[in-house]
Amino acid sequence: LYIDTACPACTQVGDMRPHVVWFGEMPFEMDRIYAALEGCDLFVSIG
């Protein structure tokens, strides 16, 4: 990705970024995650 990469959807130049969560941003799908945690009977944390 470059600063002059055009968006394949809207063709806007200069607004493309990695689809990652940076520090200070909210992680994705937190509502779904907490709903699953509240309904699970086993939680396993790995690595």
All heavy atoms as atom14 arrays in JSON, in Angstrom:
{
  "sequence": "LYIDTACPACTQVGDMRPHVVWFGEMPFEMDRIYAALEGCDLFVSIG",
  "atom14_mask": [
    [1, 1, 1, 1, 1, 1, 1, 1, 0, 0, 0, 0, 0, 0],
    [1, 1, 1, 1, 1, 1, 1, 1, 1, 1, 1, 1, 0, 0],
    [1, 1, 1, 1, 1, 1, 1, 1, 0, 0, 0, 0, 0, 0],
    [1, 1, 1, 1, 1, 1, 1, 1, 0, 0, 0, 0, 0, 0],
    [1, 1, 1, 1, 1, 1, 1, 0, 0, 0, 0, 0, 0, 0],
    [1, 1, 1, 1, 1, 0, 0, 0, 0, 0, 0, 0, 0, 0],
    [1, 1, 1, 1, 1, 1, 0, 0, 0, 0, 0, 0, 0, 0],
    [1, 1, 1, 1, 1, 1, 1, 0, 0, 0, 0, 0, 0, 0],
    [1, 1, 1, 1, 1, 0, 0, 0, 0, 0, 0, 0, 0, 0],
    [1, 1, 1, 1, 1, 1, 0, 0, 0, 0, 0, 0, 0, 0],
    [1, 1, 1, 1, 1, 1, 1, 0, 0, 0, 0, 0, 0, 0],
    [1, 1, 1, 1, 1, 1, 1, 1, 1, 0, 0, 0, 0, 0],
    [1, 1, 1, 1, 1, 1, 1, 0, 0, 0, 0, 0, 0, 0],
    [1, 1, 1, 1, 0, 0, 0, 0, 0, 0, 0, 0, 0, 0],
    [1, 1, 1, 1, 1, 1, 1, 1, 0, 0, 0, 0, 0, 0],
    [1, 1, 1, 1, 1, 1, 1, 1, 0, 0, 0, 0, 0, 0],
    [1, 1, 1, 1, 1, 1, 1, 1, 1, 1, 1, 0, 0, 0],
    [1, 1, 1, 1, 1, 1, 1, 0, 0, 0, 0, 0, 0, 0],
    [1, 1, 1, 1, 1, 1, 1, 1, 1, 1, 0, 0, 0, 0],
    [1, 1, 1, 1, 1, 1, 1, 0, 0, 0, 0, 0, 0, 0],
    [1, 1, 1, 1, 1, 1, 1, 0, 0, 0, 0, 0, 0, 0],
    [1, 1, 1, 1, 1, 1, 1, 1, 1, 1, 1, 1, 1, 1],
    [1, 1, 1, 1, 1, 1, 1, 1, 1, 1, 1, 0, 0, 0],
    [1, 1, 1, 1, 0, 0, 0, 0, 0, 0, 0, 0, 0, 0],
    [1, 1, 1, 1, 1, 1, 1, 1, 1, 0, 0, 0, 0, 0],
    [1, 1, 1, 1, 1, 1, 1, 1, 0, 0, 0, 0, 0, 0],
    [1, 1, 1, 1, 1, 1, 1, 0, 0, 0, 0, 0, 0, 0],
    [1, 1, 1, 1, 1, 1, 1, 1, 1, 1, 1, 0, 0, 0],
    [1, 1, 1, 1, 1, 1, 1, 1, 1, 0, 0, 0, 0, 0],
    [1, 1, 1, 1, 1, 1, 1, 1, 0, 0, 0, 0, 0, 0],
    [1, 1, 1, 1, 1, 1, 1, 1, 0, 0, 0, 0, 0, 0],
    [1, 1, 1, 1, 1, 1, 1, 1, 1, 1, 1, 0, 0, 0],
    [1, 1, 1, 1, 1, 1, 1, 1, 0, 0, 0, 0, 0, 0],
    [1, 1, 1, 1, 1, 1, 1, 1, 1, 1, 1, 1, 0, 0],
    [1, 1, 1, 1, 1, 0, 0, 0, 0, 0, 0, 0, 0, 0],
    [1, 1, 1, 1, 1, 0, 0, 0, 0, 0, 0, 0, 0, 0],
    [1, 1, 1, 1, 1, 1, 1, 1, 0, 0, 0, 0, 0, 0],
    [1, 1, 1, 1, 1, 1, 1, 1, 1, 0, 0, 0, 0, 0],
    [1, 1, 1, 1, 0, 0, 0, 0, 0, 0, 0, 0, 0, 0],
    [1, 1, 1, 1, 1, 1, 0, 0, 0, 0, 0, 0, 0, 0],
    [1, 1, 1, 1, 1, 1, 1, 1, 0, 0, 0, 0, 0, 0],
    [1, 1, 1, 1, 1, 1, 1, 1, 0, 0, 0, 0, 0, 0],
    [1, 1, 1, 1, 1, 1, 1, 1, 1, 1, 1, 0, 0, 0],
    [1, 1, 1, 1, 1, 1, 1, 0, 0, 0, 0, 0, 0, 0],
    [1, 1, 1, 1, 1, 1, 0, 0, 0, 0, 0, 0, 0, 0],
    [1, 1, 1, 1, 1, 1, 1, 1, 0, 0, 0, 0, 0, 0],
    [1, 1, 1, 1, 0, 0, 0, 0, 0, 0, 0, 0, 0, 0]
  ],
  "atom14_positions": [
    [[0.85, -1.19, 0.0], [0.0, 0.0, 0.0], [0.89, 1.23, 0.0], [1.93, 1.26, 0.65], [-0.88, 0.03, 1.26], [-2.21, -0.7, 1.26], [-2.83, -0.64, 2.66], [-3.18, -0.11, 0.24], [0.0, 0.0, 0.0], [0.0, 0.0, 0.0], [0.0, 0.0, 0.0], [0.0, 0.0, 0.0], [0.0, 0.0, 0.0], [0.0, 0.0, 0.0]],
    [[0.45, 2.27, -0.73], [1.19, 3.53, -0.77], [0.23, 4.68, -0.49], [-0.99, 4.52, -0.55], [1.85, 3.71, -2.15], [2.79, 2.59, -2.51], [2.39, 1.57, -3.39], [4.08, 2.54, -1.99], [3.25, 0.54, -3.72], [4.95, 1.51, -2.32], [4.53, 0.51, -3.18], [5.38, -0.51, -3.51], [0.0, 0.0, 0.0], [0.0, 0.0, 0.0]],
    [[0.8, 5.84, -0.23], [-0.05, 6.98, 0.09], [-0.87, 7.44, -1.11], [-1.88, 8.13, -0.95], [0.77, 8.17, 0.65], [1.84, 8.62, -0.35], [1.39, 7.8, 1.98], [2.55, 9.9, 0.06], [0.0, 0.0, 0.0], [0.0, 0.0, 0.0], [0.0, 0.0, 0.0], [0.0, 0.0, 0.0], [0.0, 0.0, 0.0], [0.0, 0.0, 0.0]],
    [[-0.45, 7.05, -2.33], [-1.21, 7.43, -3.53], [-2.0, 6.25, -4.12], [-2.45, 6.31, -5.26], [-0.29, 8.03, -4.59], [0.82, 7.08, -5.02], [0.96, 6.0, -4.4], [1.54, 7.42, -5.97], [0.0, 0.0, 0.0], [0.0, 0.0, 0.0], [0.0, 0.0, 0.0], [0.0, 0.0, 0.0], [0.0, 0.0, 0.0], [0.0, 0.0, 0.0]],
    [[-2.17, 5.18, -3.32], [-2.97, 4.04, -3.78], [-4.44, 4.45, -3.84], [-4.98, 5.03, -2.9], [-2.82, 2.84, -2.83], [-1.45, 2.41, -2.83], [-3.7, 1.68, -3.28], [0.0, 0.0, 0.0], [0.0, 0.0, 0.0], [0.0, 0.0, 0.0], [0.0, 0.0, 0.0], [0.0, 0.0, 0.0], [0.0, 0.0, 0.0], [0.0, 0.0, 0.0]],
    [[-5.09, 4.14, -4.95], [-6.51, 4.47, -5.12], [-7.38, 3.36, -4.56], [-7.07, 2.17, -4.68], [-6.83, 4.69, -6.6], [0.0, 0.0, 0.0], [0.0, 0.0, 0.0], [0.0, 0.0, 0.0], [0.0, 0.0, 0.0], [0.0, 0.0, 0.0], [0.0, 0.0, 0.0], [0.0, 0.0, 0.0], [0.0, 0.0, 0.0], [0.0, 0.0, 0.0]],
    [[-8.48, 3.75, -3.96], [-9.44, 2.78, -3.44], [-10.11, 2.07, -4.62], [-10.63, 2.73, -5.54], [-10.49, 3.48, -2.59], [-11.87, 2.42, -2.1], [0.0, 0.0, 0.0], [0.0, 0.0, 0.0], [0.0, 0.0, 0.0], [0.0, 0.0, 0.0], [0.0, 0.0, 0.0], [0.0, 0.0, 0.0], [0.0, 0.0, 0.0], [0.0, 0.0, 0.0]],
    [[-10.15, 0.75, -4.63], [-10.79, 0.03, -5.74], [-12.3, 0.21, -5.78], [-12.93, -0.03, -6.81], [-10.42, -1.43, -5.48], [-10.09, -1.5, -4.04], [-9.52, -0.17, -3.67], [0.0, 0.0, 0.0], [0.0, 0.0, 0.0], [0.0, 0.0, 0.0], [0.0, 0.0, 0.0], [0.0, 0.0, 0.0], [0.0, 0.0, 0.0], [0.0, 0.0, 0.0]],
    [[-12.89, 0.67, -4.66], [-14.34, 0.84, -4.61], [-14.78, 2.24, -5.02], [-15.66, 2.42, -5.86], [-14.87, 0.52, -3.21], [0.0, 0.0, 0.0], [0.0, 0.0, 0.0], [0.0, 0.0, 0.0], [0.0, 0.0, 0.0], [0.0, 0.0, 0.0], [0.0, 0.0, 0.0], [0.0, 0.0, 0.0], [0.0, 0.0, 0.0], [0.0, 0.0, 0.0]],
    [[-14.16, 3.27, -4.42], [-14.6, 4.65, -4.68], [-13.6, 5.46, -5.5], [-13.87, 6.61, -5.83], [-14.91, 5.37, -3.37], [-13.45, 5.81, -2.37], [0.0, 0.0, 0.0], [0.0, 0.0, 0.0], [0.0, 0.0, 0.0], [0.0, 0.0, 0.0], [0.0, 0.0, 0.0], [0.0, 0.0, 0.0], [0.0, 0.0, 0.0], [0.0, 0.0, 0.0]],
    [[-12.44, 4.9, -5.78], [-11.34, 5.48, -6.57], [-10.65, 6.67, -5.88], [-9.79, 7.31, -6.48], [-11.81, 5.93, -7.97], [-12.67, 7.08, -7.88], [-12.53, 4.79, -8.69], [0.0, 0.0, 0.0], [0.0, 0.0, 0.0], [0.0, 0.0, 0.0], [0.0, 0.0, 0.0], [0.0, 0.0, 0.0], [0.0, 0.0, 0.0], [0.0, 0.0, 0.0]],
    [[-11.02, 6.96, -4.64], [-10.38, 8.04, -3.89], [-8.9, 7.69, -3.67], [-8.56, 6.55, -3.35], [-11.07, 8.25, -2.55], [-10.51, 9.37, -1.69], [-10.86, 10.75, -2.22], [-11.81, 10.93, -2.96], [-10.08, 11.75, -1.83], [0.0, 0.0, 0.0], [0.0, 0.0, 0.0], [0.0, 0.0, 0.0], [0.0, 0.0, 0.0], [0.0, 0.0, 0.0]],
    [[-8.03, 8.67, -3.84], [-6.6, 8.47, -3.65], [-6.17, 9.04, -2.31], [-6.6, 10.13, -1.93], [-5.79, 9.14, -4.79], [-4.3, 9.1, -4.5], [-6.09, 8.46, -6.12], [0.0, 0.0, 0.0], [0.0, 0.0, 0.0], [0.0, 0.0, 0.0], [0.0, 0.0, 0.0], [0.0, 0.0, 0.0], [0.0, 0.0, 0.0], [0.0, 0.0, 0.0]],
    [[-5.33, 8.29, -1.59], [-4.74, 8.8, -0.36], [-5.46, 8.4, 0.91], [-5.07, 8.86, 1.99], [0.0, 0.0, 0.0], [0.0, 0.0, 0.0], [0.0, 0.0, 0.0], [0.0, 0.0, 0.0], [0.0, 0.0, 0.0], [0.0, 0.0, 0.0], [0.0, 0.0, 0.0], [0.0, 0.0, 0.0], [0.0, 0.0, 0.0], [0.0, 0.0, 0.0]],
    [[-6.49, 7.57, 0.82], [-7.25, 7.2, 2.01], [-7.2, 5.71, 2.33], [-7.93, 5.23, 3.19], [-8.72, 7.62, 1.86], [-8.9, 9.12, 1.98], [-8.61, 9.65, 3.07], [-9.29, 9.76, 0.99], [0.0, 0.0, 0.0], [0.0, 0.0, 0.0], [0.0, 0.0, 0.0], [0.0, 0.0, 0.0], [0.0, 0.0, 0.0], [0.0, 0.0, 0.0]],
    [[-6.33, 4.97, 1.67], [-6.2, 3.54, 1.94], [-5.25, 3.32, 3.13], [-4.21, 3.97, 3.24], [-5.67, 2.81, 0.71], [-6.62, 2.84, -0.48], [-8.16, 1.93, -0.17], [-7.55, 0.23, -0.22], [0.0, 0.0, 0.0], [0.0, 0.0, 0.0], [0.0, 0.0, 0.0], [0.0, 0.0, 0.0], [0.0, 0.0, 0.0], [0.0, 0.0, 0.0]],
    [[-5.63, 2.37, 3.99], [-4.82, 2.05, 5.16], [-4.92, 0.56, 5.44], [-5.84, -0.11, 4.99], [-5.29, 2.82, 6.39], [-6.75, 2.56, 6.76], [-7.09, 3.03, 8.16], [-6.61, 2.07, 9.18], [-6.81, 2.24, 10.48], [-7.45, 3.31, 10.93], [-6.37, 1.34, 11.35], [0.0, 0.0, 0.0], [0.0, 0.0, 0.0], [0.0, 0.0, 0.0]],
    [[-3.96, 0.01, 6.18], [-4.07, -1.4, 6.58], [-5.34, -1.61, 7.41], [-5.71, -0.75, 8.21], [-2.81, -1.64, 7.41], [-1.87, -0.54, 7.02], [-2.73, 0.63, 6.7], [0.0, 0.0, 0.0], [0.0, 0.0, 0.0], [0.0, 0.0, 0.0], [0.0, 0.0, 0.0], [0.0, 0.0, 0.0], [0.0, 0.0, 0.0], [0.0, 0.0, 0.0]],
    [[-5.97, -2.75, 7.24], [-7.18, -3.05, 8.01], [-6.77, -3.69, 9.34], [-7.06, -4.85, 9.63], [-8.1, -3.99, 7.22], [-9.41, -4.24, 7.87], [-10.27, -3.23, 8.26], [-10.04, -5.41, 8.21], [-11.36, -3.76, 8.8], [-11.22, -5.07, 8.8], [0.0, 0.0, 0.0], [0.0, 0.0, 0.0], [0.0, 0.0, 0.0], [0.0, 0.0, 0.0]],
    [[-6.07, -2.91, 10.14], [-5.62, -3.36, 11.45], [-6.07, -2.34, 12.49], [-6.33, -1.18, 12.18], [-4.09, -3.53, 11.5], [-3.64, -4.59, 10.51], [-3.38, -2.21, 11.23], [0.0, 0.0, 0.0], [0.0, 0.0, 0.0], [0.0, 0.0, 0.0], [0.0, 0.0, 0.0], [0.0, 0.0, 0.0], [0.0, 0.0, 0.0], [0.0, 0.0, 0.0]],
    [[-6.16, -2.82, 13.72], [-6.55, -1.94, 14.83], [-5.29, -1.36, 15.45], [-4.44, -2.09, 15.95], [-7.35, -2.73, 15.89], [-7.66, -1.84, 17.09], [-8.64, -3.27, 15.27], [0.0, 0.0, 0.0], [0.0, 0.0, 0.0], [0.0, 0.0, 0.0], [0.0, 0.0, 0.0], [0.0, 0.0, 0.0], [0.0, 0.0, 0.0], [0.0, 0.0, 0.0]],
    [[-5.18, -0.05, 15.41], [-4.04, 0.63, 16.01], [-4.32, 0.95, 17.47], [-5.47, 0.96, 17.91], [-3.72, 1.91, 15.23], [-3.11, 1.66, 13.89], [-2.25, 0.66, 13.56], [-3.32, 2.43, 12.69], [-1.89, 0.76, 12.23], [-2.52, 1.82, 11.67], [-4.07, 3.56, 12.38], [-2.47, 2.32, 10.38], [-4.02, 4.05, 11.09], [-3.23, 3.44, 10.1]],
    [[-3.27, 1.22, 18.21], [-3.43, 1.62, 19.6], [-4.28, 2.89, 19.65], [-4.04, 3.84, 18.91], [-2.07, 1.86, 20.25], [-1.3, 0.59, 20.49], [-0.49, 0.04, 19.5], [-1.4, -0.09, 21.7], [0.2, -1.14, 19.71], [-0.71, -1.27, 21.93], [0.09, -1.79, 20.93], [0.0, 0.0, 0.0], [0.0, 0.0, 0.0], [0.0, 0.0, 0.0]],
    [[-5.27, 2.87, 20.53], [-6.2, 3.98, 20.63], [-7.48, 3.76, 19.85], [-8.41, 4.57, 19.95], [0.0, 0.0, 0.0], [0.0, 0.0, 0.0], [0.0, 0.0, 0.0], [0.0, 0.0, 0.0], [0.0, 0.0, 0.0], [0.0, 0.0, 0.0], [0.0, 0.0, 0.0], [0.0, 0.0, 0.0], [0.0, 0.0, 0.0], [0.0, 0.0, 0.0]],
    [[-7.56, 2.67, 19.07], [-8.76, 2.34, 18.31], [-9.47, 1.15, 18.97], [-8.86, 0.35, 19.67], [-8.41, 2.0, 16.86], [-7.82, 3.17, 16.1], [-7.5, 2.84, 14.65], [-7.12, 1.68, 14.38], [-7.6, 3.74, 13.8], [0.0, 0.0, 0.0], [0.0, 0.0, 0.0], [0.0, 0.0, 0.0], [0.0, 0.0, 0.0], [0.0, 0.0, 0.0]],
    [[-10.77, 1.04, 18.71], [-11.58, -0.03, 19.3], [-11.42, -1.33, 18.51], [-11.57, -1.33, 17.29], [-13.05, 0.38, 19.3], [-13.98, -0.66, 19.91], [-13.66, -0.99, 21.65], [-14.19, 0.57, 22.38], [0.0, 0.0, 0.0], [0.0, 0.0, 0.0], [0.0, 0.0, 0.0], [0.0, 0.0, 0.0], [0.0, 0.0, 0.0], [0.0, 0.0, 0.0]],
    [[-11.12, -2.43, 19.18], [-11.08, -3.73, 18.49], [-12.41, -4.05, 17.83], [-13.46, -3.55, 18.24], [-10.74, -4.72, 19.61], [-10.02, -3.89, 20.63], [-10.7, -2.55, 20.59], [0.0, 0.0, 0.0], [0.0, 0.0, 0.0], [0.0, 0.0, 0.0], [0.0, 0.0, 0.0], [0.0, 0.0, 0.0], [0.0, 0.0, 0.0], [0.0, 0.0, 0.0]],
    [[-12.37, -4.94, 16.86], [-13.56, -5.28, 16.09], [-14.45, -6.3, 16.82], [-13.97, -7.16, 17.55], [-13.16, -5.86, 14.73], [-12.41, -4.9, 13.86], [-11.25, -5.29, 13.19], [-12.85, -3.59, 13.69], [-10.55, -4.41, 12.37], [-12.17, -2.7, 12.88], [-11.02, -3.11, 12.22], [0.0, 0.0, 0.0], [0.0, 0.0, 0.0], [0.0, 0.0, 0.0]],
    [[-15.75, -6.19, 16.56], [-16.77, -7.17, 16.94], [-16.79, -7.48, 18.43], [-17.04, -8.63, 18.86], [-16.6, -8.47, 16.14], [-16.76, -8.25, 14.63], [-16.99, -9.55, 13.88], [-17.96, -10.26, 14.2], [-16.19, -9.85, 12.98], [0.0, 0.0, 0.0], [0.0, 0.0, 0.0], [0.0, 0.0, 0.0], [0.0, 0.0, 0.0], [0.0, 0.0, 0.0]],
    [[-16.6, -6.46, 19.26], [-16.58, -6.69, 20.7], [-17.93, -7.15, 21.24], [-17.99, -7.98, 22.17], [-16.11, -5.42, 21.42], [-14.65, -5.07, 21.14], [-13.5, -6.42, 21.51], [-13.78, -6.63, 23.26], [0.0, 0.0, 0.0], [0.0, 0.0, 0.0], [0.0, 0.0, 0.0], [0.0, 0.0, 0.0], [0.0, 0.0, 0.0], [0.0, 0.0, 0.0]],
    [[-19.01, -6.66, 20.7], [-20.34, -7.08, 21.16], [-20.53, -8.58, 20.95], [-21.03, -9.3, 21.83], [-21.45, -6.3, 20.45], [-21.53, -4.86, 20.89], [-20.92, -4.53, 21.94], [-22.2, -4.07, 20.2], [0.0, 0.0, 0.0], [0.0, 0.0, 0.0], [0.0, 0.0, 0.0], [0.0, 0.0, 0.0], [0.0, 0.0, 0.0], [0.0, 0.0, 0.0]],
    [[-20.13, -9.05, 19.78], [-20.26, -10.48, 19.47], [-19.36, -11.31, 20.37], [-19.75, -12.39, 20.84], [-19.93, -10.73, 18.0], [-20.1, -12.18, 17.58], [-19.67, -12.38, 16.14], [-19.61, -13.8, 15.8], [-18.95, -14.31, 14.76], [-18.3, -13.49, 13.94], [-18.92, -15.6, 14.54], [0.0, 0.0, 0.0], [0.0, 0.0, 0.0], [0.0, 0.0, 0.0]],
    [[-18.16, -10.82, 20.64], [-17.22, -11.56, 21.49], [-17.76, -11.69, 22.9], [-17.78, -12.79, 23.48], [-15.84, -10.87, 21.49], [-15.19, -10.97, 20.11], [-14.93, -11.49, 22.56], [-13.94, -10.12, 19.96], [0.0, 0.0, 0.0], [0.0, 0.0, 0.0], [0.0, 0.0, 0.0], [0.0, 0.0, 0.0], [0.0, 0.0, 0.0], [0.0, 0.0, 0.0]],
    [[-18.23, -10.58, 23.48], [-18.72, -10.64, 24.85], [-20.0, -11.47, 24.96], [-20.22, -12.16, 25.97], [-18.93, -9.24, 25.41], [-17.65, -8.62, 25.91], [-17.1, -7.49, 25.3], [-16.95, -9.17, 26.97], [-15.92, -6.93, 25.76], [-15.76, -8.63, 27.43], [-15.25, -7.51, 26.82], [-14.07, -6.97, 27.26], [0.0, 0.0, 0.0], [0.0, 0.0, 0.0]],
    [[-20.82, -11.44, 23.93], [-22.02, -12.28, 23.93], [-21.63, -13.75, 23.97], [-22.24, -14.57, 24.68], [-22.88, -11.99, 22.71], [0.0, 0.0, 0.0], [0.0, 0.0, 0.0], [0.0, 0.0, 0.0], [0.0, 0.0, 0.0], [0.0, 0.0, 0.0], [0.0, 0.0, 0.0], [0.0, 0.0, 0.0], [0.0, 0.0, 0.0], [0.0, 0.0, 0.0]],
    [[-20.59, -14.11, 23.21], [-20.12, -15.5, 23.21], [-19.51, -15.88, 24.55], [-19.74, -16.98, 25.06], [-19.1, -15.7, 22.09], [0.0, 0.0, 0.0], [0.0, 0.0, 0.0], [0.0, 0.0, 0.0], [0.0, 0.0, 0.0], [0.0, 0.0, 0.0], [0.0, 0.0, 0.0], [0.0, 0.0, 0.0], [0.0, 0.0, 0.0], [0.0, 0.0, 0.0]],
    [[-18.74, -14.97, 25.15], [-18.13, -15.24, 26.45], [-19.2, -15.43, 27.52], [-19.07, -16.3, 28.4], [-17.2, -14.09, 26.85], [-15.9, -13.97, 26.07], [-15.23, -12.63, 26.35], [-14.95, -15.12, 26.42], [0.0, 0.0, 0.0], [0.0, 0.0, 0.0], [0.0, 0.0, 0.0], [0.0, 0.0, 0.0], [0.0, 0.0, 0.0], [0.0, 0.0, 0.0]],
    [[-20.25, -14.64, 27.46], [-21.31, -14.74, 28.46], [-22.12, -16.02, 28.33], [-22.78, -16.45, 29.28], [-22.23, -13.52, 28.35], [-21.57, -12.22, 28.79], [-22.35, -10.99, 28.37], [-23.46, -11.16, 27.8], [-21.85, -9.87, 28.6], [0.0, 0.0, 0.0], [0.0, 0.0, 0.0], [0.0, 0.0, 0.0], [0.0, 0.0, 0.0], [0.0, 0.0, 0.0]],
    [[-22.04, -16.66, 27.16], [-22.81, -17.88, 26.94], [-21.98, -19.14, 26.88], [-22.53, -20.23, 26.7], [0.0, 0.0, 0.0], [0.0, 0.0, 0.0], [0.0, 0.0, 0.0], [0.0, 0.0, 0.0], [0.0, 0.0, 0.0], [0.0, 0.0, 0.0], [0.0, 0.0, 0.0], [0.0, 0.0, 0.0], [0.0, 0.0, 0.0], [0.0, 0.0, 0.0]],
    [[-20.66, -19.03, 27.06], [-19.81, -20.21, 26.9], [-19.68, -21.0, 28.2], [-19.86, -20.46, 29.29], [-18.43, -19.83, 26.37], [-17.32, -19.08, 27.58], [0.0, 0.0, 0.0], [0.0, 0.0, 0.0], [0.0, 0.0, 0.0], [0.0, 0.0, 0.0], [0.0, 0.0, 0.0], [0.0, 0.0, 0.0], [0.0, 0.0, 0.0], [0.0, 0.0, 0.0]],
    [[-19.35, -22.27, 28.07], [-19.04, -23.06, 29.26], [-17.58, -23.5, 29.29], [-17.14, -24.16, 30.21], [-19.97, -24.27, 29.41], [-20.17, -25.05, 28.13], [-19.2, -25.18, 27.37], [-21.29, -25.51, 27.89], [0.0, 0.0, 0.0], [0.0, 0.0, 0.0], [0.0, 0.0, 0.0], [0.0, 0.0, 0.0], [0.0, 0.0, 0.0], [0.0, 0.0, 0.0]],
    [[-16.8, -23.1, 28.26], [-15.36, -23.34, 28.24], [-14.68, -22.2, 27.53], [-15.05, -21.82, 26.41], [-15.05, -24.66, 27.52], [-13.56, -24.98, 27.27], [-12.79, -25.09, 28.58], [-13.41, -26.25, 26.45], [0.0, 0.0, 0.0], [0.0, 0.0, 0.0], [0.0, 0.0, 0.0], [0.0, 0.0, 0.0], [0.0, 0.0, 0.0], [0.0, 0.0, 0.0]],
    [[-13.66, -21.64, 28.17], [-12.84, -20.59, 27.58], [-11.39, -21.04, 27.61], [-10.86, -21.41, 28.66], [-12.98, -19.27, 28.34], [-12.02, -18.2, 27.89], [-12.17, -17.57, 26.66], [-10.94, -17.83, 28.7], [-11.28, -16.59, 26.24], [-10.04, -16.85, 28.29], [-10.22, -16.23, 27.06], [0.0, 0.0, 0.0], [0.0, 0.0, 0.0], [0.0, 0.0, 0.0]],
    [[-10.73, -21.01, 26.45], [-9.35, -21.45, 26.34], [-8.51, -20.31, 25.77], [-8.83, -19.79, 24.69], [-9.21, -22.7, 25.44], [-7.77, -23.19, 25.45], [-10.16, -23.8, 25.88], [0.0, 0.0, 0.0], [0.0, 0.0, 0.0], [0.0, 0.0, 0.0], [0.0, 0.0, 0.0], [0.0, 0.0, 0.0], [0.0, 0.0, 0.0], [0.0, 0.0, 0.0]],
    [[-7.46, -19.94, 26.47], [-6.55, -18.89, 26.02], [-5.23, -19.52, 25.6], [-4.64, -20.29, 26.35], [-6.31, -17.88, 27.15], [-5.38, -16.89, 26.76], [0.0, 0.0, 0.0], [0.0, 0.0, 0.0], [0.0, 0.0, 0.0], [0.0, 0.0, 0.0], [0.0, 0.0, 0.0], [0.0, 0.0, 0.0], [0.0, 0.0, 0.0], [0.0, 0.0, 0.0]],
    [[-4.79, -19.2, 24.38], [-3.61, -19.84, 23.8], [-2.6, -18.8, 23.32], [-2.93, -17.93, 22.52], [-4.0, -20.73, 22.6], [-5.02, -21.79, 23.01], [-2.77, -21.38, 21.98], [-5.63, -22.54, 21.83], [0.0, 0.0, 0.0], [0.0, 0.0, 0.0], [0.0, 0.0, 0.0], [0.0, 0.0, 0.0], [0.0, 0.0, 0.0], [0.0, 0.0, 0.0]],
    [[-1.38, -18.89, 23.83], [-0.29, -18.08, 23.29], [-0.45, -16.58, 23.5], [-0.06, -15.81, 22.63], [0.0, 0.0, 0.0], [0.0, 0.0, 0.0], [0.0, 0.0, 0.0], [0.0, 0.0, 0.0], [0.0, 0.0, 0.0], [0.0, 0.0, 0.0], [0.0, 0.0, 0.0], [0.0, 0.0, 0.0], [0.0, 0.0, 0.0], [0.0, 0.0, 0.0]]
  ]
}
